Protein backbone atom coordinates (compact mmCIF):
# COMPACT_ATOMS: atom_id res chain seq x y z
CA MET A 1 -0.26 -0.03 -0.26
CA ARG A 2 1.60 3.29 -1.22
CA VAL A 3 0.76 6.24 1.41
CA ARG A 4 1.82 10.12 1.27
CA VAL A 5 3.17 11.15 4.04
CA GLY A 6 2.56 14.89 2.77
CA GLU A 7 4.91 17.69 1.58
CA VAL A 8 8.32 19.20 2.99
CA PRO A 9 6.31 21.99 5.21
CA ALA A 10 7.33 25.37 3.70
CA GLU A 11 8.54 26.58 6.60
CA ALA A 12 11.93 23.84 6.44
CA ALA A 13 13.54 25.72 4.29
CA ASN A 14 14.09 28.68 7.02
CA CYS A 15 15.35 25.85 9.33
CA LEU A 16 18.20 25.21 6.78
CA PRO A 17 22.31 26.11 8.25
CA ALA A 18 22.34 29.25 5.92
CA VAL A 19 19.25 30.19 6.90
CA GLU A 20 19.10 29.81 10.27
CA PRO A 21 22.96 28.41 11.30
CA ASP A 22 23.21 25.69 14.91
CA ALA A 23 25.51 23.94 16.03
CA SER A 24 24.35 20.55 15.22
CA ASP A 25 26.38 20.72 11.00
CA ILE A 26 23.70 18.62 10.23
CA GLY A 27 20.46 20.42 10.46
CA VAL A 28 18.57 19.25 13.46
CA ASN A 29 16.27 22.39 12.99
CA TYR A 30 15.71 21.34 9.37
CA ALA A 31 14.58 17.55 10.38
CA ASP A 32 12.25 18.39 13.33
CA ALA A 33 10.20 20.98 11.36
CA VAL A 34 10.28 17.93 8.33
CA LEU A 35 9.34 15.10 11.02
CA LYS A 36 6.79 16.84 12.10
CA ILE A 37 4.20 15.80 9.09
CA PHE A 38 4.99 11.51 10.01
CA LYS A 39 2.88 12.34 12.80
CA GLN A 40 -0.71 10.78 11.34
CA THR A 41 -2.76 7.34 11.00
CA LEU A 42 -2.69 5.14 8.59
CA PRO A 43 -5.72 4.62 6.42
CA ASP A 44 -5.83 0.86 7.36
CA GLY A 45 -5.93 2.36 11.61
CA ARG A 46 -1.65 2.07 11.81
CA ARG A 47 0.00 4.50 13.48
CA LEU A 48 3.06 6.83 11.62
CA SER A 49 5.18 8.74 13.88
CA CYS A 50 9.27 9.28 13.00
CA ARG A 51 11.12 11.07 16.22
CA ARG A 52 14.21 12.34 16.96
CA ARG A 53 16.71 11.74 19.75
CA GLY A 54 20.15 13.45 18.70
CA LEU A 55 21.55 11.86 15.81
CA LYS A 56 19.15 9.01 15.67
CA LEU A 57 16.34 9.00 14.16
CA THR A 58 13.22 6.46 14.84
CA LEU A 59 10.41 5.69 12.59
CA LYS A 60 7.36 3.82 13.48
CA VAL A 61 4.64 1.82 11.49
CA GLY A 62 2.28 0.41 13.15
CA ASP A 63 4.46 -2.11 15.71
CA ARG A 64 7.37 -2.24 13.41
CA GLN A 65 10.45 0.27 14.04
CA GLY A 66 13.49 1.03 12.43
CA GLU A 67 15.87 3.12 13.43
CA GLY A 68 18.17 5.62 10.43
CA LEU A 69 21.30 7.97 11.56
CA MET A 70 22.30 10.89 10.36
CA ARG A 71 25.58 10.66 9.11
CA ARG A 72 27.63 14.51 7.90
CA LEU A 73 30.56 12.61 6.68
CA ASP A 74 29.06 10.02 4.70
CA HIS A 75 25.91 11.87 3.21
CA GLY A 76 27.00 15.13 4.03
CA PRO A 77 27.17 18.60 3.22
CA ASP A 78 23.76 19.03 2.32
CA THR A 79 21.53 18.48 5.35
CA GLU A 80 18.28 17.55 3.20
CA ASN A 81 19.89 14.45 2.07
CA ILE A 82 21.48 13.68 5.27
CA LEU A 83 17.92 13.88 7.11
CA HIS A 84 16.60 11.54 3.62
CA GLN A 85 19.27 9.11 4.03
CA ALA A 86 18.28 8.98 7.50
CA LEU A 87 14.86 8.49 6.38
CA HIS A 88 15.60 5.81 3.52
CA GLU A 89 17.72 3.58 6.51
CA ALA A 90 15.09 3.74 9.07
CA ALA A 91 11.94 3.33 6.59
CA ALA A 92 13.85 -0.24 5.39
CA GLU A 93 14.59 -1.15 8.55
CA ALA A 94 10.65 -1.06 9.75
CA GLY A 95 9.97 -2.49 6.14
CA ALA A 96 8.73 0.28 4.22
CA GLU A 97 10.26 1.91 1.20
CA LEU A 98 10.40 6.07 1.40
CA SER A 99 10.67 8.10 -1.78
CA ILE A 100 10.66 11.93 -2.18
CA ASP A 101 10.13 13.32 -5.62
CA ASP A 102 9.44 16.93 -5.65
CA GLY A 103 8.99 17.31 -2.06
CA VAL A 104 6.59 15.01 -1.65
CA LEU A 105 7.21 12.47 0.64
CA SER A 106 5.64 8.77 0.25
CA LEU A 107 5.79 5.63 1.70
CA GLU A 108 5.07 2.03 0.55
CA VAL A 109 4.09 -0.11 3.23
CA ASP A 110 2.71 -4.00 3.23
């Protein structure tokens, strides 16, 4: 089942380190702004959520859970790419596939 999670919020662009510097070098303010759209209920009744603790993201789809790590050295220096790669990693561990097309996040779940 393919689920449209949502669009990257417009205010997230204001949180990029080029606009609003943070001390993390990976854009945690940007990540927090984007992760807000993950808090929802899927059409089949399962809960979808994503949290950040430090550099680690935890994506939950129903009772499944996956973790991804925001890695600046591997995926940087682009802040958006760092977050997207961590989300892909977390989704894969949770048994889902994340796709990002033109700022729209979609999730393929079983």
